[in-house]
Amino acid sequence: MGSSFCRHGTMNEPTIPKIKKAVAEGFEVSIQEIDSRIKRHPIALARQCVYYYTRKLLGMKYDDMEEKFDRDHSNLIYACHQIRDRRIYDWETKAMLEGLESEFPWLKGEEVEA
């Protein structure tokens, strides 16, 4: 896998489509499933991870995310808090996120203030 740094040493900017693609590959689900309203476990968890990484890496406000994802902001807040908390308290989720970030190192990126 190539470096996440371009020629000038700056990190490639994460985008929502890049985040969706990485999470979809990591969870072995389609982007269409992530965009759907399906609530089955691997798909719903992947969707929550997309929201979490979008908030973490892009620093988007929940109101802006609501527009981008066509979801109520309370669902987005819940999803982001779920992943954040599960990363701390649930070893399976922590291992899964670390595996995803190992495969796509740019997902580790610096948190951006929202």
N, C-alpha and C. Protein backbone atom coordinates (compact mmCIF):
# COMPACT_ATOMS: atom_id res chain seq x y z
N MET A 1 0.85 -1.18 0.00
CA MET A 1 0.00 0.00 0.00
C MET A 1 0.90 1.24 0.00
N GLY A 2 0.53 2.24 -0.79
CA GLY A 2 1.34 3.44 -0.91
C GLY A 2 1.24 4.33 0.30
N SER A 3 2.10 5.32 0.33
CA SER A 3 2.13 6.27 1.43
C SER A 3 0.91 7.18 1.37
N SER A 4 0.44 7.62 2.53
CA SER A 4 -0.69 8.54 2.56
C SER A 4 -0.23 9.99 2.41
N PHE A 5 1.05 10.18 2.18
CA PHE A 5 1.57 11.53 2.00
C PHE A 5 1.88 11.79 0.54
N CYS A 6 1.54 12.98 0.09
CA CYS A 6 1.86 13.33 -1.28
C CYS A 6 3.27 13.89 -1.33
N ARG A 7 3.69 14.28 -2.47
CA ARG A 7 5.05 14.72 -2.72
C ARG A 7 5.51 15.83 -1.79
N HIS A 8 4.64 16.72 -1.41
CA HIS A 8 5.00 17.87 -0.58
C HIS A 8 4.90 17.58 0.91
N GLY A 9 4.58 16.33 1.29
CA GLY A 9 4.55 15.96 2.69
C GLY A 9 3.25 16.24 3.40
N THR A 10 2.23 16.71 2.69
CA THR A 10 0.94 16.93 3.34
C THR A 10 0.07 15.71 3.14
N MET A 11 -0.76 15.45 4.12
CA MET A 11 -1.62 14.27 4.06
C MET A 11 -2.73 14.50 3.05
N ASN A 12 -3.05 13.46 2.29
CA ASN A 12 -4.20 13.55 1.39
C ASN A 12 -5.42 13.85 2.23
N GLU A 13 -6.23 14.76 1.77
CA GLU A 13 -7.40 15.18 2.53
C GLU A 13 -8.48 14.10 2.49
N PRO A 14 -8.97 13.70 3.66
CA PRO A 14 -10.08 12.76 3.67
C PRO A 14 -11.35 13.46 3.19
N THR A 15 -12.21 12.72 2.55
CA THR A 15 -13.50 13.22 2.09
C THR A 15 -14.56 12.20 2.49
N ILE A 16 -15.80 12.59 2.43
CA ILE A 16 -16.87 11.65 2.76
C ILE A 16 -16.84 10.45 1.82
N PRO A 17 -16.71 10.64 0.49
CA PRO A 17 -16.64 9.46 -0.38
C PRO A 17 -15.45 8.54 -0.05
N LYS A 18 -14.29 9.10 0.29
CA LYS A 18 -13.14 8.27 0.65
C LYS A 18 -13.39 7.52 1.95
N ILE A 19 -14.02 8.18 2.91
CA ILE A 19 -14.34 7.54 4.19
C ILE A 19 -15.32 6.39 3.95
N LYS A 20 -16.37 6.65 3.16
CA LYS A 20 -17.35 5.61 2.86
C LYS A 20 -16.70 4.41 2.17
N LYS A 21 -15.83 4.69 1.21
CA LYS A 21 -15.18 3.61 0.46
C LYS A 21 -14.31 2.77 1.38
N ALA A 22 -13.51 3.40 2.22
CA ALA A 22 -12.63 2.68 3.14
C ALA A 22 -13.44 1.84 4.13
N VAL A 23 -14.46 2.43 4.71
CA VAL A 23 -15.29 1.70 5.68
C VAL A 23 -16.03 0.56 5.00
N ALA A 24 -16.55 0.79 3.81
CA ALA A 24 -17.25 -0.27 3.07
C ALA A 24 -16.32 -1.44 2.80
N GLU A 25 -15.10 -1.15 2.35
CA GLU A 25 -14.13 -2.22 2.10
C GLU A 25 -13.77 -2.95 3.39
N GLY A 26 -13.56 -2.20 4.45
CA GLY A 26 -13.19 -2.80 5.73
C GLY A 26 -14.27 -3.69 6.31
N PHE A 27 -15.53 -3.31 6.12
CA PHE A 27 -16.66 -4.07 6.66
C PHE A 27 -17.22 -5.07 5.64
N GLU A 28 -16.69 -5.01 4.43
CA GLU A 28 -17.17 -5.88 3.34
C GLU A 28 -18.66 -5.68 3.10
N VAL A 29 -19.05 -4.42 3.03
CA VAL A 29 -20.42 -4.04 2.65
C VAL A 29 -20.29 -3.05 1.50
N SER A 30 -21.39 -2.78 0.84
CA SER A 30 -21.35 -1.83 -0.28
C SER A 30 -21.63 -0.42 0.22
N ILE A 31 -21.21 0.54 -0.57
CA ILE A 31 -21.51 1.94 -0.26
C ILE A 31 -23.03 2.15 -0.30
N GLN A 32 -23.70 1.45 -1.22
CA GLN A 32 -25.16 1.56 -1.30
C GLN A 32 -25.81 1.07 0.00
N GLU A 33 -25.25 0.02 0.61
CA GLU A 33 -25.79 -0.47 1.88
C GLU A 33 -25.55 0.55 2.99
N ILE A 34 -24.37 1.18 2.99
CA ILE A 34 -24.09 2.21 3.99
C ILE A 34 -25.07 3.37 3.83
N ASP A 35 -25.37 3.74 2.60
CA ASP A 35 -26.29 4.86 2.35
C ASP A 35 -27.75 4.49 2.60
N SER A 36 -28.04 3.20 2.69
CA SER A 36 -29.43 2.75 2.88
C SER A 36 -29.88 2.95 4.32
N ARG A 37 -31.07 2.51 4.61
CA ARG A 37 -31.60 2.58 5.97
C ARG A 37 -31.66 1.19 6.62
N ILE A 38 -30.93 0.24 6.04
CA ILE A 38 -30.88 -1.12 6.58
C ILE A 38 -30.26 -1.07 7.98
N LYS A 39 -30.87 -1.79 8.93
CA LYS A 39 -30.41 -1.73 10.31
C LYS A 39 -29.66 -2.98 10.76
N ARG A 40 -29.40 -3.92 9.86
CA ARG A 40 -28.65 -5.12 10.24
C ARG A 40 -27.27 -4.76 10.72
N HIS A 41 -26.74 -5.56 11.65
CA HIS A 41 -25.52 -5.25 12.38
C HIS A 41 -24.33 -4.77 11.54
N PRO A 42 -23.79 -5.54 10.62
CA PRO A 42 -22.57 -5.03 10.00
C PRO A 42 -22.79 -3.74 9.21
N ILE A 43 -23.97 -3.61 8.64
CA ILE A 43 -24.26 -2.42 7.83
C ILE A 43 -24.47 -1.21 8.73
N ALA A 44 -25.25 -1.37 9.78
CA ALA A 44 -25.51 -0.25 10.70
C ALA A 44 -24.22 0.19 11.39
N LEU A 45 -23.39 -0.77 11.79
CA LEU A 45 -22.12 -0.43 12.43
C LEU A 45 -21.19 0.29 11.46
N ALA A 46 -21.15 -0.17 10.22
CA ALA A 46 -20.34 0.51 9.21
C ALA A 46 -20.82 1.94 9.01
N ARG A 47 -22.12 2.12 8.96
CA ARG A 47 -22.70 3.46 8.79
C ARG A 47 -22.31 4.36 9.96
N GLN A 48 -22.39 3.83 11.18
CA GLN A 48 -22.01 4.61 12.35
C GLN A 48 -20.53 5.00 12.28
N CYS A 49 -19.70 4.10 11.78
CA CYS A 49 -18.27 4.40 11.64
C CYS A 49 -18.04 5.52 10.62
N VAL A 50 -18.81 5.52 9.55
CA VAL A 50 -18.69 6.61 8.56
C VAL A 50 -19.01 7.93 9.23
N TYR A 51 -20.07 7.98 10.03
CA TYR A 51 -20.42 9.22 10.72
C TYR A 51 -19.31 9.62 11.70
N TYR A 52 -18.81 8.64 12.44
CA TYR A 52 -17.74 8.89 13.43
C TYR A 52 -16.50 9.47 12.75
N TYR A 53 -16.04 8.83 11.68
CA TYR A 53 -14.83 9.31 11.00
C TYR A 53 -15.08 10.65 10.30
N THR A 54 -16.28 10.87 9.79
CA THR A 54 -16.59 12.16 9.17
C THR A 54 -16.49 13.27 10.21
N ARG A 55 -17.05 13.04 11.36
CA ARG A 55 -16.99 14.03 12.44
C ARG A 55 -15.56 14.22 12.91
N LYS A 56 -14.84 13.11 13.11
CA LYS A 56 -13.48 13.16 13.64
C LYS A 56 -12.50 13.81 12.66
N LEU A 57 -12.54 13.39 11.41
CA LEU A 57 -11.53 13.82 10.44
C LEU A 57 -11.88 15.12 9.72
N LEU A 58 -13.16 15.35 9.51
CA LEU A 58 -13.56 16.55 8.77
C LEU A 58 -14.06 17.66 9.69
N GLY A 59 -14.34 17.30 10.95
CA GLY A 59 -14.80 18.29 11.91
C GLY A 59 -16.14 18.90 11.56
N MET A 60 -16.95 18.15 10.83
CA MET A 60 -18.25 18.68 10.42
C MET A 60 -19.18 18.82 11.62
N LYS A 61 -19.97 19.86 11.60
CA LYS A 61 -21.01 20.04 12.62
C LYS A 61 -22.15 19.08 12.30
N TYR A 62 -22.86 18.68 13.34
CA TYR A 62 -23.95 17.73 13.15
C TYR A 62 -25.00 18.26 12.18
N ASP A 63 -25.25 19.56 12.21
CA ASP A 63 -26.23 20.13 11.27
C ASP A 63 -25.78 19.94 9.83
N ASP A 64 -24.49 20.11 9.57
CA ASP A 64 -23.96 19.92 8.21
C ASP A 64 -23.99 18.44 7.82
N MET A 65 -23.68 17.58 8.79
CA MET A 65 -23.73 16.13 8.53
C MET A 65 -25.16 15.70 8.24
N GLU A 66 -26.11 16.30 8.94
CA GLU A 66 -27.53 15.97 8.73
C GLU A 66 -27.90 16.17 7.27
N GLU A 67 -27.42 17.26 6.70
CA GLU A 67 -27.70 17.57 5.30
C GLU A 67 -26.99 16.60 4.36
N LYS A 68 -25.71 16.31 4.63
CA LYS A 68 -24.91 15.43 3.77
C LYS A 68 -25.41 13.99 3.77
N PHE A 69 -25.87 13.51 4.93
CA PHE A 69 -26.25 12.11 5.06
C PHE A 69 -27.76 11.88 5.07
N ASP A 70 -28.54 12.96 5.03
CA ASP A 70 -30.00 12.85 5.07
C ASP A 70 -30.45 12.05 6.29
N ARG A 71 -29.88 12.41 7.43
CA ARG A 71 -30.22 11.76 8.70
C ARG A 71 -30.48 12.86 9.74
N ASP A 72 -31.32 12.56 10.69
CA ASP A 72 -31.60 13.47 11.79
C ASP A 72 -30.35 13.63 12.64
N HIS A 73 -30.09 14.84 13.10
CA HIS A 73 -28.85 15.08 13.84
C HIS A 73 -28.78 14.27 15.13
N SER A 74 -29.93 13.94 15.73
CA SER A 74 -29.89 13.13 16.95
C SER A 74 -29.37 11.72 16.65
N ASN A 75 -29.67 11.18 15.47
CA ASN A 75 -29.13 9.88 15.07
C ASN A 75 -27.62 9.97 14.86
N LEU A 76 -27.17 11.07 14.30
CA LEU A 76 -25.74 11.25 14.06
C LEU A 76 -24.98 11.40 15.37
N ILE A 77 -25.54 12.15 16.30
CA ILE A 77 -24.91 12.31 17.61
C ILE A 77 -24.83 10.96 18.31
N TYR A 78 -25.92 10.22 18.30
CA TYR A 78 -25.95 8.90 18.92
C TYR A 78 -24.89 8.00 18.31
N ALA A 79 -24.82 7.95 16.98
CA ALA A 79 -23.87 7.07 16.29
C ALA A 79 -22.43 7.44 16.64
N CYS A 80 -22.10 8.71 16.59
CA CYS A 80 -20.73 9.14 16.89
C CYS A 80 -20.36 8.82 18.34
N HIS A 81 -21.28 9.04 19.25
CA HIS A 81 -21.00 8.73 20.67
C HIS A 81 -20.89 7.23 20.89
N GLN A 82 -21.71 6.46 20.18
CA GLN A 82 -21.64 5.00 20.28
C GLN A 82 -20.25 4.49 19.89
N ILE A 83 -19.78 4.92 18.74
CA ILE A 83 -18.48 4.45 18.26
C ILE A 83 -17.37 4.95 19.18
N ARG A 84 -17.42 6.21 19.57
CA ARG A 84 -16.41 6.74 20.49
C ARG A 84 -16.36 5.94 21.78
N ASP A 85 -17.52 5.69 22.38
CA ASP A 85 -17.58 4.95 23.64
C ASP A 85 -17.20 3.49 23.47
N ARG A 86 -17.69 2.88 22.39
CA ARG A 86 -17.37 1.47 22.16
C ARG A 86 -15.88 1.30 21.88
N ARG A 87 -15.26 2.29 21.28
CA ARG A 87 -13.82 2.23 21.04
C ARG A 87 -13.06 2.15 22.37
N ILE A 88 -13.58 2.79 23.38
CA ILE A 88 -12.94 2.81 24.70
C ILE A 88 -13.27 1.55 25.50
N TYR A 89 -14.55 1.16 25.51
CA TYR A 89 -15.00 0.14 26.45
C TYR A 89 -15.23 -1.25 25.85
N ASP A 90 -15.25 -1.37 24.54
CA ASP A 90 -15.53 -2.65 23.90
C ASP A 90 -14.31 -3.10 23.10
N TRP A 91 -13.63 -4.14 23.57
CA TRP A 91 -12.38 -4.55 22.94
C TRP A 91 -12.59 -4.99 21.49
N GLU A 92 -13.76 -5.57 21.16
CA GLU A 92 -14.00 -6.00 19.78
C GLU A 92 -14.08 -4.79 18.84
N THR A 93 -14.81 -3.77 19.27
CA THR A 93 -14.93 -2.56 18.45
C THR A 93 -13.57 -1.88 18.32
N LYS A 94 -12.85 -1.82 19.42
CA LYS A 94 -11.52 -1.21 19.39
C LYS A 94 -10.61 -1.94 18.39
N ALA A 95 -10.60 -3.27 18.46
CA ALA A 95 -9.77 -4.07 17.55
C ALA A 95 -10.22 -3.88 16.10
N MET A 96 -11.53 -3.82 15.88
CA MET A 96 -12.05 -3.64 14.53
C MET A 96 -11.63 -2.28 13.96
N LEU A 97 -11.73 -1.22 14.77
CA LEU A 97 -11.34 0.11 14.31
C LEU A 97 -9.83 0.19 14.08
N GLU A 98 -9.06 -0.43 14.96
CA GLU A 98 -7.61 -0.44 14.77
C GLU A 98 -7.22 -1.20 13.50
N GLY A 99 -7.93 -2.28 13.21
CA GLY A 99 -7.69 -3.02 11.97
C GLY A 99 -8.01 -2.18 10.74
N LEU A 100 -9.12 -1.47 10.81
CA LEU A 100 -9.52 -0.59 9.72
C LEU A 100 -8.49 0.51 9.52
N GLU A 101 -8.02 1.08 10.63
CA GLU A 101 -7.02 2.16 10.55
C GLU A 101 -5.65 1.64 10.14
N SER A 102 -5.40 0.38 10.39
CA SER A 102 -4.15 -0.23 9.93
C SER A 102 -4.19 -0.40 8.41
N GLU A 103 -5.36 -0.78 7.90
CA GLU A 103 -5.53 -0.95 6.46
C GLU A 103 -5.59 0.39 5.74
N PHE A 104 -6.15 1.39 6.39
CA PHE A 104 -6.29 2.74 5.83
C PHE A 104 -5.73 3.74 6.84
N PRO A 105 -4.39 3.89 6.91
CA PRO A 105 -3.77 4.71 7.96
C PRO A 105 -4.26 6.16 8.03
N TRP A 106 -4.71 6.70 6.94
CA TRP A 106 -5.18 8.09 6.95
C TRP A 106 -6.43 8.25 7.83
N LEU A 107 -7.13 7.13 8.14
CA LEU A 107 -8.29 7.23 9.04
C LEU A 107 -7.88 7.59 10.46
N LYS A 108 -6.62 7.37 10.80
CA LYS A 108 -6.13 7.74 12.13
C LYS A 108 -6.07 9.25 12.29
N GLY A 109 -5.88 9.95 11.15
CA GLY A 109 -5.70 11.38 11.09
C GLY A 109 -5.90 12.17 12.36
N GLU A 110 -5.56 13.40 12.30
CA GLU A 110 -5.73 14.31 13.43
C GLU A 110 -7.20 14.68 13.55
N GLU A 111 -7.68 14.69 14.80
CA GLU A 111 -9.05 15.13 15.02
C GLU A 111 -9.15 16.61 14.70
N VAL A 112 -10.26 16.97 14.07
CA VAL A 112 -10.51 18.36 13.72
C VAL A 112 -11.59 18.89 14.64
N GLU A 113 -11.39 20.07 15.15
CA GLU A 113 -12.37 20.70 16.05
C GLU A 113 -13.61 21.06 15.26
N ALA A 114 -14.76 20.64 15.75
CA ALA A 114 -16.03 20.93 15.04
C ALA A 114 -16.58 22.27 15.47
